[in-house]
């Protein structure tokens, strides 16, 4: 089966988009894990009435609870913004992938009809 250059180009574009979408999904998953860890740490910090420690480069340092809560809240905000941005990109990529797939399917169908 031999397709036009346009169809071949669309197939290549689709492959690139799908690869980019897959990379984006892996990045999204990574941010989701970090966000969950931050939420869990914040929850534990608010429960704690004892001294709290922060790990920096493999060393535990006594820290002020309120400072750690502030740092984690700031980190959480940044992660949420990045996560939302990735979701928007994912939606755009998914829509492009779907559009190109439909175009390719139509072109293949048209090609098969002509071949009969």
Protein backbone atom coordinates (compact mmCIF):
# COMPACT_ATOMS: atom_id res chain seq x y z
CA UNK A 1 0.00 0.00 0.00
CA UNK A 2 1.53 3.30 -1.09
CA UNK A 3 0.15 6.60 0.14
CA UNK A 4 0.55 10.15 -1.02
CA UNK A 5 3.33 12.29 0.39
CA UNK A 6 0.72 14.25 2.32
CA UNK A 7 -0.65 11.11 4.00
CA UNK A 8 2.85 9.87 4.77
CA UNK A 9 3.69 13.24 6.27
CA UNK A 10 0.55 13.13 8.42
CA UNK A 11 1.47 9.66 9.65
CA UNK A 12 4.92 10.93 10.63
CA UNK A 13 3.37 13.96 12.36
CA UNK A 14 1.02 11.65 14.22
CA UNK A 15 3.91 9.52 15.44
CA UNK A 16 5.77 12.59 16.70
CA UNK A 17 2.66 13.94 18.42
CA UNK A 18 1.97 10.59 20.08
CA UNK A 19 5.55 10.41 21.34
CA UNK A 20 5.31 13.97 22.69
CA UNK A 21 2.00 13.16 24.32
CA UNK A 22 3.51 10.07 25.96
CA UNK A 23 6.41 12.17 27.31
CA UNK A 24 3.95 14.73 28.60
CA UNK A 25 1.95 12.04 30.39
CA UNK A 26 5.09 10.73 32.07
CA UNK A 27 5.96 14.27 33.19
CA UNK A 28 2.40 14.74 34.45
CA UNK A 29 2.65 11.54 36.45
CA UNK A 30 5.91 12.70 37.99
CA UNK A 31 4.35 16.00 39.06
CA UNK A 32 1.34 14.13 40.47
CA UNK A 33 3.65 12.01 42.63
CA UNK A 34 5.46 15.13 43.89
CA UNK A 35 2.15 16.83 44.59
CA UNK A 36 0.93 13.82 46.58
CA UNK A 37 4.18 13.75 48.56
CA UNK A 38 3.84 17.47 49.35
CA UNK A 39 0.23 17.00 50.47
CA UNK A 40 1.20 14.08 52.70
CA UNK A 41 4.10 16.02 54.20
CA UNK A 42 1.85 19.01 54.90
CA UNK A 43 -0.70 16.75 56.54
CA UNK A 44 1.93 15.18 58.78
CA UNK A 45 3.42 18.57 59.64
CA UNK A 46 0.08 19.96 60.77
CA UNK A 47 -0.46 16.90 62.99
CA UNK A 48 2.99 17.10 64.57
CA UNK A 49 3.45 18.85 67.87
CA UNK A 50 7.09 17.80 68.20
CA UNK A 51 10.27 19.15 66.66
CA UNK A 52 10.39 18.94 62.87
CA UNK A 53 13.35 18.32 60.62
CA UNK A 54 14.17 19.09 57.03
CA UNK A 55 16.43 16.90 54.92
CA UNK A 56 18.98 18.84 52.90
CA UNK A 57 21.48 16.88 50.88
CA UNK A 58 21.17 13.81 53.06
CA UNK A 59 21.45 15.77 56.34
CA UNK A 60 18.52 16.27 58.71
CA UNK A 61 18.34 19.79 60.09
CA UNK A 62 16.05 20.98 62.86
CA UNK A 63 13.63 23.48 61.34
CA UNK A 64 10.76 25.69 62.35
CA UNK A 65 7.42 24.08 61.65
CA UNK A 66 5.86 27.26 60.24
CA UNK A 67 8.77 27.79 57.83
CA UNK A 68 8.46 24.22 56.55
CA UNK A 69 4.71 24.61 56.10
CA UNK A 70 5.29 27.82 54.14
CA UNK A 71 7.93 26.16 51.96
CA UNK A 72 5.71 23.17 51.27
CA UNK A 73 2.71 25.37 50.47
CA UNK A 74 4.84 27.35 48.00
CA UNK A 75 6.14 24.15 46.42
CA UNK A 76 2.59 22.82 46.23
CA UNK A 77 1.39 25.98 44.42
CA UNK A 78 4.18 25.70 41.88
CA UNK A 79 3.48 22.00 41.32
CA UNK A 80 -0.24 22.66 40.89
CA UNK A 81 0.45 25.39 38.31
CA UNK A 82 2.80 23.13 36.38
CA UNK A 83 0.34 20.23 36.62
CA UNK A 84 -2.49 22.41 35.26
CA UNK A 85 -0.25 23.60 32.43
CA UNK A 86 0.59 20.01 31.51
CA UNK A 87 -3.10 19.09 31.51
CA UNK A 88 -3.80 21.93 29.08
CA UNK A 89 -0.96 20.79 26.83
CA UNK A 90 -2.23 17.23 27.05
CA UNK A 91 -5.68 18.33 25.90
CA UNK A 92 -4.23 20.26 22.94
CA UNK A 93 -2.02 17.33 21.91
CA UNK A 94 -4.87 14.85 22.27
CA UNK A 95 -7.13 16.97 20.07
CA UNK A 96 -4.40 17.26 17.41
CA UNK A 97 -3.77 13.51 17.52
CA UNK A 98 -7.47 12.77 17.12
CA UNK A 99 -7.81 15.21 14.21
CA UNK A 100 -4.82 13.77 12.34
CA UNK A 101 -6.01 10.19 12.98
CA UNK A 102 -9.39 11.00 11.45
CA UNK A 103 -7.72 12.59 8.43
CA UNK A 104 -5.46 9.57 7.97
CA UNK A 105 -8.36 7.13 8.39
CA UNK A 106 -10.35 9.01 5.75
CA UNK A 107 -7.42 9.07 3.34
CA UNK A 108 -6.82 5.34 3.85
CA UNK A 109 -10.50 4.64 3.35
CA UNK A 110 -10.54 6.75 0.18
CA UNK A 111 -7.42 4.97 -1.05
CA UNK A 112 -9.00 1.56 -0.42
CA UNK A 113 -12.15 2.60 -2.30
CA UNK A 114 -10.08 3.69 -5.30
CA UNK A 115 -8.12 0.42 -5.22
CA UNK A 116 -11.22 -1.75 -5.62
